[in-house]
Protein backbone atom coordinates (compact mmCIF):
# COMPACT_ATOMS: atom_id res chain seq x y z
CA UNK A 1 6.49 -1.67 1.11
CA UNK A 2 4.39 1.36 0.31
CA UNK A 3 3.07 1.97 3.78
CA UNK A 4 6.14 3.76 5.11
CA UNK A 5 6.81 5.80 1.99
CA UNK A 6 3.61 7.28 0.65
CA UNK A 7 0.72 9.02 2.40
CA UNK A 8 -2.19 7.07 0.92
CA UNK A 9 -5.44 9.03 0.98
CA UNK A 10 -7.57 6.53 -0.94
CA UNK A 11 -9.50 5.27 2.08
CA UNK A 12 -13.16 6.19 2.44
CA UNK A 13 -13.84 8.75 5.12
CA UNK A 14 -16.83 8.65 7.48
CA UNK A 15 -20.28 10.01 6.73
CA UNK A 16 -21.33 13.66 6.92
CA UNK A 17 -22.56 15.43 10.04
CA UNK A 18 -24.83 18.34 10.95
CA UNK A 19 -23.14 21.68 11.73
CA UNK A 20 -23.75 25.41 11.96
CA UNK A 21 -24.91 26.74 8.61
CA UNK A 22 -23.82 30.32 9.25
CA UNK A 23 -20.19 29.51 9.95
CA UNK A 24 -19.73 26.96 7.21
CA UNK A 25 -21.52 28.77 4.41
CA UNK A 26 -18.35 30.83 4.12
CA UNK A 27 -16.26 27.81 3.12
CA UNK A 28 -18.70 26.35 0.61
CA UNK A 29 -16.90 25.66 -2.64
CA UNK A 30 -13.66 24.09 -3.85
CA UNK A 31 -10.31 24.54 -2.08
CA UNK A 32 -6.96 23.40 -3.48
CA UNK A 33 -3.60 22.92 -1.75
CA UNK A 34 -0.31 21.06 -2.12
CA UNK A 35 1.00 18.58 0.44
CA UNK A 36 4.75 17.92 0.56
CA UNK A 37 5.66 14.30 1.42
CA UNK A 38 8.77 12.14 0.84
CA UNK A 39 7.30 10.79 -2.40
CA UNK A 40 6.90 14.32 -3.80
CA UNK A 41 4.19 16.99 -3.89
CA UNK A 42 0.53 15.91 -3.82
CA UNK A 43 -2.34 18.19 -4.70
CA UNK A 44 -5.35 17.86 -2.42
CA UNK A 45 -8.78 19.24 -3.25
CA UNK A 46 -11.60 19.81 -0.73
CA UNK A 47 -15.16 20.19 -1.99
CA UNK A 48 -17.60 21.62 0.60
CA UNK A 49 -21.32 21.84 -0.13
CA UNK A 50 -24.30 22.89 1.99
CA UNK A 51 -27.33 20.63 1.71
CA UNK A 52 -31.06 21.34 1.75
CA UNK A 53 -31.19 19.85 5.25
CA UNK A 54 -28.85 22.56 6.57
CA UNK A 55 -25.95 20.16 6.86
CA UNK A 56 -22.64 20.32 5.09
CA UNK A 57 -21.05 17.52 3.16
CA UNK A 58 -17.58 17.27 1.78
CA UNK A 59 -15.42 15.20 -0.50
CA UNK A 60 -11.69 15.04 -0.95
CA UNK A 61 -9.70 14.49 -4.14
CA UNK A 62 -6.07 13.44 -4.34
CA UNK A 63 -5.76 13.91 -8.11
CA UNK A 64 -2.10 12.97 -8.29
CA UNK A 65 -2.97 9.58 -6.78
CA UNK A 66 -6.07 9.03 -8.87
CA UNK A 67 -8.35 9.21 -5.80
CA UNK A 68 -11.42 11.33 -6.52
CA UNK A 69 -14.64 12.02 -4.64
CA UNK A 70 -13.62 10.52 -1.28
CA UNK A 71 -16.50 11.12 1.21
CA UNK A 72 -15.39 13.18 4.21
CA UNK A 73 -16.31 12.94 7.85
CA UNK A 74 -17.74 15.62 10.17
CA UNK A 75 -16.96 19.21 9.24
CA UNK A 76 -17.18 21.76 12.06
CA UNK A 77 -15.85 25.04 13.39
CA UNK A 78 -14.28 25.31 16.82
CA UNK A 79 -13.92 29.03 17.33
CA UNK A 80 -12.24 30.28 14.17
CA UNK A 81 -10.70 26.87 13.33
CA UNK A 82 -12.21 24.68 10.63
CA UNK A 83 -11.95 20.97 11.46
CA UNK A 84 -12.63 18.44 8.70
CA UNK A 85 -12.29 14.97 10.18
CA UNK A 86 -11.12 11.73 8.57
CA UNK A 87 -11.68 9.03 11.22
CA UNK A 88 -10.98 5.98 9.04
CA UNK A 89 -7.42 7.14 8.39
CA UNK A 90 -7.13 8.55 11.92
CA UNK A 91 -6.68 12.02 10.51
CA UNK A 92 -8.17 15.47 10.18
CA UNK A 93 -7.55 18.84 8.57
CA UNK A 94 -7.40 21.91 10.83
CA UNK A 95 -7.26 25.35 9.29
CA UNK A 96 -8.08 29.00 9.89
CA UNK A 97 -9.75 31.01 7.09
CA UNK A 98 -7.86 34.14 6.09
CA UNK A 99 -10.22 36.37 4.15
CA UNK A 100 -12.42 34.73 1.55
CA UNK A 101 -9.85 32.81 -0.50
CA UNK A 102 -7.28 31.23 1.84
CA UNK A 103 -7.29 28.70 4.68
CA UNK A 104 -3.97 28.17 6.47
CA UNK A 105 -3.66 24.92 8.34
CA UNK A 106 -2.30 21.43 8.79
CA UNK A 107 -3.21 17.88 7.86
CA UNK A 108 -2.85 15.55 10.85
CA UNK A 109 -2.69 11.84 10.03
CA UNK A 110 -1.64 9.05 12.39
CA UNK A 111 0.64 11.36 14.35
CA UNK A 112 2.13 13.11 11.32
CA UNK A 113 1.54 16.87 11.16
CA UNK A 114 1.95 18.33 7.68
CA UNK A 115 1.48 21.96 6.64
CA UNK A 116 -1.35 22.38 4.15
CA UNK A 117 -2.68 25.75 3.00
CA UNK A 118 -5.62 25.68 0.61
CA UNK A 119 -7.03 28.34 -1.68
CA UNK A 120 -10.49 28.73 -3.13
CA UNK A 121 -10.18 27.92 -6.83
CA UNK A 122 -11.27 25.48 -9.50
CA UNK A 123 -10.18 21.88 -9.15
CA UNK A 124 -6.95 21.17 -11.05
CA UNK A 125 -7.08 19.39 -14.36
CA UNK A 126 -5.15 16.14 -14.23
CA UNK A 127 -3.38 14.98 -17.38
CA UNK A 128 -1.12 12.01 -16.71
CA UNK A 129 -0.50 9.59 -19.54
CA UNK A 130 -0.85 5.92 -18.59
CA UNK A 131 -0.71 4.21 -22.00
CA UNK A 132 -0.64 0.64 -20.63
CA UNK A 133 -4.00 0.86 -18.86
CA UNK A 134 -6.28 -1.58 -20.73
CA UNK A 135 -9.37 -0.22 -22.46
CA UNK A 136 -12.46 -2.22 -23.50
CA UNK A 137 -13.59 -4.08 -25.47
CA UNK A 138 -11.48 -6.96 -24.16
CA UNK A 139 -10.91 -10.26 -25.97
CA UNK A 140 -11.94 -12.14 -22.82
CA UNK A 141 -14.73 -12.26 -20.25
CA UNK A 142 -14.65 -9.90 -17.26
CA UNK A 143 -16.91 -10.76 -14.32
CA UNK A 144 -17.64 -8.99 -11.02
CA UNK A 145 -17.48 -11.56 -8.22
CA UNK A 146 -17.76 -11.78 -4.43
CA UNK A 147 -16.37 -14.43 -2.11
CA UNK A 148 -16.37 -14.93 1.64
CA UNK A 149 -13.62 -14.84 4.23
CA UNK A 150 -14.97 -17.65 6.42
CA UNK A 151 -12.52 -16.93 9.24
CA UNK A 152 -13.88 -13.44 9.99
CA UNK A 153 -17.20 -13.78 8.11
CA UNK A 154 -17.21 -10.93 5.59
CA UNK A 155 -17.34 -10.71 1.81
CA UNK A 156 -14.59 -9.56 -0.51
CA UNK A 157 -15.26 -8.22 -4.00
CA UNK A 158 -13.15 -8.54 -7.08
CA UNK A 159 -12.85 -9.04 -10.82
CA UNK A 160 -12.39 -12.43 -12.47
CA UNK A 161 -11.12 -12.41 -16.04
CA UNK A 162 -11.58 -15.59 -18.09
CA UNK A 163 -9.81 -16.28 -21.42
CA UNK A 164 -11.68 -17.07 -24.58
CA UNK A 165 -12.38 -20.76 -25.10
CA UNK A 166 -13.85 -23.62 -23.17
CA UNK A 167 -11.33 -24.13 -20.40
CA UNK A 168 -10.74 -25.19 -17.74
CA UNK A 169 -8.01 -22.57 -17.42
CA UNK A 170 -4.97 -22.14 -15.19
CA UNK A 171 -5.57 -19.24 -12.82
CA UNK A 172 -3.74 -16.67 -10.72
CA UNK A 173 -4.85 -14.78 -7.61
CA UNK A 174 -3.20 -11.33 -7.46
CA UNK A 175 -2.30 -10.16 -3.93
CA UNK A 176 -1.64 -6.46 -3.30
CA UNK A 177 1.16 -4.81 -1.37
CA UNK A 178 0.89 -3.05 1.98
CA UNK A 179 -1.61 -0.34 2.72
CA UNK A 180 -5.22 -0.05 1.64
CA UNK A 181 -5.28 -1.14 -2.00
CA UNK A 182 -8.04 -1.57 -4.54
CA UNK A 183 -8.20 -4.55 -6.90
CA UNK A 184 -6.01 -2.80 -9.48
CA UNK A 185 -3.41 -1.82 -6.84
CA UNK A 186 -3.95 1.74 -8.10
CA UNK A 187 -1.23 4.26 -7.34
CA UNK A 188 -0.63 7.63 -9.01
CA UNK A 189 -3.12 6.77 -11.77
CA UNK A 190 -1.23 3.56 -12.50
CA UNK A 191 -3.23 0.31 -12.35
CA UNK A 192 -0.55 -2.39 -12.31
CA UNK A 193 -2.86 -5.29 -11.42
CA UNK A 194 -5.21 -4.37 -14.26
CA UNK A 195 -2.24 -4.39 -16.62
CA UNK A 196 -1.01 -7.76 -15.31
CA UNK A 197 -4.49 -9.33 -15.39
CA UNK A 198 -5.06 -8.15 -18.95
CA UNK A 199 -1.75 -9.56 -20.18
CA UNK A 200 -2.12 -12.93 -18.47
CA UNK A 201 -5.74 -13.40 -19.55
CA UNK A 202 -4.90 -12.62 -23.17
CA UNK A 203 -2.40 -15.48 -22.86
CA UNK A 204 -4.88 -18.05 -21.63
CA UNK A 205 -4.53 -17.59 -17.84
CA UNK A 206 -7.55 -16.62 -15.73
CA UNK A 207 -6.95 -13.94 -13.11
CA UNK A 208 -8.77 -12.99 -9.89
CA UNK A 209 -7.91 -9.61 -8.41
CA UNK A 210 -9.81 -8.18 -5.44
CA UNK A 211 -10.25 -5.07 -3.31
CA UNK A 212 -8.52 -5.25 0.07
CA UNK A 213 -10.82 -5.62 3.06
CA UNK A 214 -12.70 -2.37 3.76
CA UNK A 215 -11.74 -0.94 0.36
CA UNK A 216 -13.90 -0.49 -2.73
CA UNK A 217 -16.69 -3.05 -2.65
CA UNK A 218 -15.05 -5.36 -0.11
CA UNK A 219 -16.36 -5.58 3.43
CA UNK A 220 -14.32 -6.10 6.59
CA UNK A 221 -11.99 -3.70 8.37
CA UNK A 222 -8.35 -2.90 7.73
CA UNK A 223 -7.76 -1.19 11.11
CA UNK A 224 -6.40 -4.20 13.00
CA UNK A 225 -5.33 -6.32 10.05
CA UNK A 226 -1.87 -7.90 9.90
CA UNK A 227 -0.04 -9.77 7.18
CA UNK A 228 -1.27 -13.01 8.74
CA UNK A 229 -4.95 -12.03 8.72
CA UNK A 230 -4.63 -10.68 5.17
CA UNK A 231 -3.44 -14.15 4.20
CA UNK A 232 -6.93 -15.38 5.12
CA UNK A 233 -8.34 -13.03 2.45
CA UNK A 234 -6.01 -14.46 -0.20
CA UNK A 235 -6.90 -17.99 0.83
CA UNK A 236 -10.59 -17.10 0.53
CA UNK A 237 -9.91 -16.06 -3.08
CA UNK A 238 -8.25 -19.42 -3.70
CA UNK A 239 -11.22 -21.26 -2.17
CA UNK A 240 -13.56 -19.34 -4.46
CA UNK A 241 -11.60 -20.33 -7.58
CA UNK A 242 -11.72 -23.97 -6.51
CA UNK A 243 -15.51 -23.73 -6.82
CA UNK A 244 -15.47 -22.40 -10.39
CA UNK A 245 -15.85 -25.05 -13.15
CA UNK A 246 -14.00 -22.83 -15.66
CA UNK A 247 -10.82 -23.08 -13.57
CA UNK A 248 -8.37 -25.98 -13.62
CA UNK A 249 -8.24 -26.71 -9.90
CA UNK A 250 -4.80 -28.32 -10.22
CA UNK A 251 -3.30 -25.15 -11.72
CA UNK A 252 -4.13 -22.24 -9.42
CA UNK A 253 -1.24 -20.00 -8.36
CA UNK A 254 -0.63 -16.86 -6.32
CA UNK A 255 1.16 -13.72 -7.51
CA UNK A 256 1.91 -11.23 -4.75
CA UNK A 257 3.52 -7.81 -4.96
CA UNK A 258 5.61 -6.46 -2.07
CA UNK A 259 3.80 -7.54 1.12
CA UNK A 260 1.67 -9.73 -1.15
CA UNK A 261 4.91 -11.60 -1.87
CA UNK A 262 4.97 -12.57 1.81
CA UNK A 263 1.28 -13.42 1.98
CA UNK A 264 1.67 -15.89 -0.90
CA UNK A 265 4.10 -18.24 0.91
CA UNK A 266 2.03 -18.00 4.10
CA UNK A 267 -0.96 -19.37 2.18
CA UNK A 268 1.10 -21.93 0.24
CA UNK A 269 2.79 -23.19 3.42
CA UNK A 270 -0.57 -24.32 4.77
CA UNK A 271 -2.55 -25.08 1.60
CA UNK A 272 -1.44 -27.78 -0.83
CA UNK A 273 -3.81 -26.52 -3.54
CA UNK A 274 -1.33 -23.83 -4.60
CA UNK A 275 0.29 -24.88 -7.89
CA UNK A 276 2.84 -22.04 -8.16
CA UNK A 277 3.91 -18.69 -6.72
CA UNK A 278 5.12 -15.52 -8.44
CA UNK A 279 6.80 -13.15 -5.98
CA UNK A 280 7.02 -9.56 -7.25
CA UNK A 281 9.47 -7.67 -5.00
CA UNK A 282 8.46 -9.93 -2.14
CA UNK A 283 10.28 -10.16 1.22
CA UNK A 284 12.86 -12.79 2.00
CA UNK A 285 14.12 -11.42 5.33
CA UNK A 286 12.58 -10.13 8.54
CA UNK A 287 10.45 -6.99 8.20
CA UNK A 288 12.68 -4.86 10.44
CA UNK A 289 15.66 -5.60 8.18
CA UNK A 290 13.67 -4.57 5.11
CA UNK A 291 12.52 -1.33 6.73
CA UNK A 292 16.00 -0.33 7.87
CA UNK A 293 17.53 -1.04 4.45
CA UNK A 294 14.64 0.82 2.84
CA UNK A 295 15.30 3.87 5.02
CA UNK A 296 19.01 3.88 4.17
CA UNK A 297 18.40 3.61 0.43
CA UNK A 298 15.62 6.17 0.17
CA UNK A 299 17.31 8.71 2.45
CA UNK A 300 20.51 8.36 0.44
CA UNK A 301 18.61 8.87 -2.82
CA UNK A 302 17.04 12.01 -1.37
CA UNK A 303 20.48 13.49 -0.64
CA UNK A 304 20.46 13.20 3.15
CA UNK A 305 23.85 13.42 4.84
CA UNK A 306 25.32 10.03 5.77
CA UNK A 307 25.70 10.98 9.43
CA UNK A 308 22.02 11.90 9.61
CA UNK A 309 21.07 8.63 7.86
CA UNK A 310 23.04 6.61 10.42
CA UNK A 311 21.46 8.49 13.30
CA UNK A 312 17.93 7.99 11.94
CA UNK A 313 18.49 4.29 11.23
CA UNK A 314 19.90 3.78 14.72
CA UNK A 315 16.80 5.36 16.28
CA UNK A 316 14.47 3.27 14.12
CA UNK A 317 16.41 0.12 14.93
CA UNK A 318 16.09 0.72 18.66
CA UNK A 319 12.41 1.57 18.30
CA UNK A 320 11.77 -1.69 16.42
CA UNK A 321 13.63 -3.63 19.11
CA UNK A 322 11.54 -2.05 21.86
CA UNK A 323 8.32 -2.81 19.97
CA UNK A 324 9.24 -6.48 19.65
CA UNK A 325 10.18 -6.76 23.33
CA UNK A 326 7.08 -4.97 24.69
CA UNK A 327 3.75 -6.26 23.31
CA UNK A 328 1.64 -3.83 25.32
CA UNK A 329 1.11 -0.83 23.03
CA UNK A 330 0.55 1.73 25.79
CA UNK A 331 3.58 0.67 27.78
CA UNK A 332 5.70 0.55 24.63
CA UNK A 333 4.69 4.12 23.73
CA UNK A 334 5.43 5.36 27.26
CA UNK A 335 8.80 3.58 27.42
CA UNK A 336 9.80 4.76 23.93
CA UNK A 337 9.04 8.40 24.72
CA UNK A 338 11.02 8.16 27.96
CA UNK A 339 13.97 6.55 26.15
CA UNK A 340 14.08 9.16 23.42
CA UNK A 341 13.71 11.96 25.97
CA UNK A 342 16.79 10.68 27.78
CA UNK A 343 18.66 10.53 24.45
CA UNK A 344 17.82 14.16 23.76
CA UNK A 345 18.98 15.12 27.28
CA UNK A 346 22.47 14.01 26.28
CA UNK A 347 22.53 16.35 23.28
CA UNK A 348 22.10 19.64 25.12
CA UNK A 349 19.49 20.95 22.69
CA UNK A 350 17.60 24.21 22.96
CA UNK A 351 13.83 24.14 23.64
CA UNK A 352 12.84 24.63 19.98
CA UNK A 353 15.24 21.96 18.68
CA UNK A 354 14.09 19.51 21.32
CA UNK A 355 10.44 20.17 20.51
CA UNK A 356 11.05 19.62 16.80
CA UNK A 357 12.92 16.35 17.34
CA UNK A 358 10.36 15.05 19.81
CA UNK A 359 7.53 15.85 17.37
CA UNK A 360 9.30 13.92 14.60
CA UNK A 361 9.93 10.97 16.93
CA UNK A 362 6.28 10.95 17.98
CA UNK A 363 5.23 10.63 14.34
CA UNK A 364 7.57 7.69 13.88
CA UNK A 365 6.32 6.09 17.08
CA UNK A 366 2.71 6.27 15.92
CA UNK A 367 3.60 4.67 12.58
CA UNK A 368 5.23 1.76 14.41
CA UNK A 369 2.74 1.29 17.26
CA UNK A 370 -0.10 -0.36 15.33
CA UNK A 371 -0.99 -4.03 14.75
CA UNK A 372 0.18 -4.19 11.12
CA UNK A 373 3.62 -2.69 11.65
CA UNK A 374 4.23 -4.46 14.95
CA UNK A 375 3.59 -7.81 13.23
CA UNK A 376 5.54 -6.93 10.12
CA UNK A 377 8.79 -5.79 11.76
CA UNK A 378 9.01 -9.06 13.70
CA UNK A 379 7.76 -11.38 10.95
CA UNK A 380 10.31 -13.60 9.23
CA UNK A 381 9.13 -15.01 5.87
CA UNK A 382 11.86 -17.67 5.79
CA UNK A 383 9.92 -20.31 7.79
CA UNK A 384 6.97 -19.92 5.43
CA UNK A 385 9.13 -20.11 2.32
CA UNK A 386 10.79 -23.26 3.67
CA UNK A 387 7.37 -24.96 3.81
CA UNK A 388 6.48 -24.11 0.19
CA UNK A 389 6.58 -27.14 -2.11
CA UNK A 390 5.30 -25.66 -5.38
CA UNK A 391 7.41 -23.94 -8.09
CA UNK A 392 8.39 -20.33 -7.34
CA UNK A 393 9.37 -17.42 -9.58
CA UNK A 394 10.79 -14.44 -7.66
CA UNK A 395 11.35 -11.15 -9.50
CA UNK A 396 12.91 -7.97 -8.15
CA UNK A 397 13.99 -4.71 -9.74
CA UNK A 398 17.64 -3.80 -9.31
CA UNK A 399 16.58 -0.20 -8.65
CA UNK A 400 13.99 -1.16 -6.04
CA UNK A 401 14.66 1.06 -3.00
CA UNK A 402 11.79 -0.40 -0.96
CA UNK A 403 12.59 -4.14 -1.10
CA UNK A 404 16.25 -4.49 -1.99
CA UNK A 405 16.94 -7.34 -4.42
CA UNK A 406 20.39 -8.22 -3.02
CA UNK A 407 18.92 -8.58 0.45
CA UNK A 408 15.78 -10.52 -0.43
CA UNK A 409 16.17 -12.67 -3.56
CA UNK A 410 19.00 -14.83 -2.16
CA UNK A 411 17.10 -15.20 1.12
CA UNK A 412 14.00 -16.51 -0.69
CA UNK A 413 16.07 -19.05 -2.62
CA UNK A 414 17.95 -20.11 0.52
CA UNK A 415 14.74 -20.70 2.50
CA UNK A 416 13.13 -22.69 -0.30
CA UNK A 417 16.18 -24.90 -0.73
CA UNK A 418 16.44 -25.39 3.01
CA UNK A 419 12.96 -26.90 2.86
CA UNK A 420 14.00 -29.15 -0.02
CA UNK A 421 12.35 -27.13 -2.82
CA UNK A 422 14.61 -26.83 -5.87
CA UNK A 423 11.84 -25.55 -8.16
CA UNK A 424 12.79 -21.89 -7.79
CA UNK A 425 13.92 -19.22 -10.21
CA UNK A 426 15.03 -15.79 -8.99
CA UNK A 427 15.63 -12.89 -11.39
CA UNK A 428 17.03 -9.42 -10.65
CA UNK A 429 15.75 -7.12 -13.38
CA UNK A 430 18.05 -4.24 -14.43
CA UNK A 431 16.63 -0.74 -14.43
CA UNK A 432 13.33 -1.55 -12.70
CA UNK A 433 12.00 0.00 -9.49
CA UNK A 434 9.64 -1.34 -6.82
CA UNK A 435 6.64 -0.96 -9.16
CA UNK A 436 8.54 -2.67 -12.00
CA UNK A 437 8.83 0.55 -13.96
CA UNK A 438 11.98 1.55 -15.82
CA UNK A 439 13.44 4.22 -13.54
CA UNK A 440 16.46 6.49 -13.22
CA UNK A 441 17.06 6.29 -9.46
CA UNK A 442 14.29 4.02 -8.14
CA UNK A 443 13.12 6.69 -5.70
CA UNK A 444 9.39 6.71 -4.91
CA UNK A 445 9.40 10.34 -6.06
CA UNK A 446 9.66 9.05 -9.63
CA UNK A 447 6.58 6.80 -9.54
CA UNK A 448 4.10 9.49 -10.53
CA UNK A 449 6.34 10.91 -13.26
CA UNK A 450 6.87 7.65 -15.16
CA UNK A 451 4.28 6.86 -17.84
CA UNK A 452 5.06 3.13 -17.88
CA UNK A 453 2.97 1.12 -15.43
CA UNK A 454 4.66 -2.31 -15.58
CA UNK A 455 7.66 -3.29 -17.68
CA UNK A 456 6.83 -5.47 -20.68
CA UNK A 457 9.79 -7.77 -20.04
CA UNK A 458 8.51 -8.51 -16.53
CA UNK A 459 5.08 -9.33 -17.97
CA UNK A 460 6.63 -11.67 -20.54
CA UNK A 461 8.80 -13.47 -17.98
CA UNK A 462 5.81 -14.05 -15.70
CA UNK A 463 3.62 -15.27 -18.54
CA UNK A 464 6.12 -17.60 -20.16
CA UNK A 465 7.17 -19.07 -16.79
CA UNK A 466 3.57 -19.80 -15.77
CA UNK A 467 2.76 -21.34 -19.15
CA UNK A 468 5.86 -23.54 -19.03
CA UNK A 469 5.36 -24.52 -15.39
CA UNK A 470 1.69 -25.36 -15.93
CA UNK A 471 2.51 -27.17 -19.21
CA UNK A 472 0.29 -24.91 -21.30
CA UNK A 473 0.52 -25.00 -25.06
C-alpha cells in the first residue's frame, strides 16, 4: 500500500486568496527545496506570482513524482512567517524568510512535521528515463469517457482503449492502489496503468482506466472514502462497459493493484457480471497484518536496529487494536495519547526525548485516525474472496516489501478454495517489487531510480492468462 510509505503531493490544492501585496512581493518568484521522507529525497518547487488584482497565486511542483503546476491555497504572512496552505491534503508550509534568497521552515501534512528550507532559484530540470511509457500514434482507438457513480451521484473520468477490428472485445477495468491516484497510477514519472493498458489493447483486450474520485477530471471527494466506497467507483466503471456495444459483456474483468486487488473481489463478490480478476500485489489478509509486516520489512531494509523495529511494531499493533475497539475518532485520539503518555512515564525520559517521541506518536496517530485507514486495518479480504466465483490470477513480486507475497498469495488461494472456487492461479515473481519492477532490495526508495515501469514478464503472464481464460484466439 502506498499510503503509509510515500508522501503523495499530487492532490489539487485550494484556490488562491487575496493578501497583502507589500509583504508578499518579496517572495515572488521560484523557490526550491528538498524534502526527506522514507522513500528518499523529494525536490519541491514553489512558484509565487503577484496578479494584476493585487492578489498572489502559487503553484507547487513535485518534479521527482511527476506532479507539476499544482494550484496552491491561500498564501499569507502572519508576522514574519509565510504560510502557504494546502487544505485538500490537510497541510501547509510555514517558513521565515532569511534575507532575499532563503526561507527556513517546515511542511506540515496530516500531523507530520518535516523540515523544508527553500532557496530562490530556477526550477530544477528533471531528466528521468521512462522508456516503457507509450507514445502516440497508437495502433488502437483511445477515447476520453465519463461514467456515473450512482450511489453517491458524481461522475468519474477515464480513458477507454479499444483494439483494432470490429469487436466485441473482452475488457478490463484497471483499479488503482491506495492514495489519490490518476488514471495512469502515476508515481515518480512512471505510468504503470498506461503501460498495462497499451500492452493489453495491442493484444485485443479493451481497457478502461480512470482517475480516482476527486483527482484529475473525476468528481467526488476522497476525504472520507474507504475501500468499500471506492468499490462503488469500480463497479460504476463495470456498469459503463456493460453499456458499450464494442465490449463483449460476458468477458469483462477487473485488474486491481495493491488496494485495488482488494476492491476487485469486493465488486466480484456482489456482481456476477465479472468474468475474471487479476490481482496485482493484492491483499489476502487483514489490513493490520499487512501494515505490520510492511513496517517490519521496510524498517529492516532501511537498516533500523531490530530492537527498535520490535518496539515500533508493538506500538503500531496496540494503536491498531485501540482504533478497532473505539469507533469514536475523538475518544480514540484522547485514549491513545493517554496510553502512550503512560508508556513514556515508565521509561524515565528527559523532557526533550519525551517531546520528540510524543511528536512522532502524534504523527502516527493522525495517519491512523481517518476513515480510510480505520476501515483498512480492520478489513479482512478473505470473506470477499470466498464469494468470488470467476477465474482469478494473483501475482506478487518476491521483493515486494509493501504486500508480502508469502503472507498474501496463499491466503487468497485458501479463501477462494474455501468458497469452492478452484479456478485460481497464484504466481510469486522473482526479483520484482511492489510496482512490478526488477529491483535490488524492493525498498520504496528504489522506485524513482529504476527506469523500468512494469516488468515485461508480468505483462505477458497477464495477457496470455486473460486470452486463454476468455478463449481468445
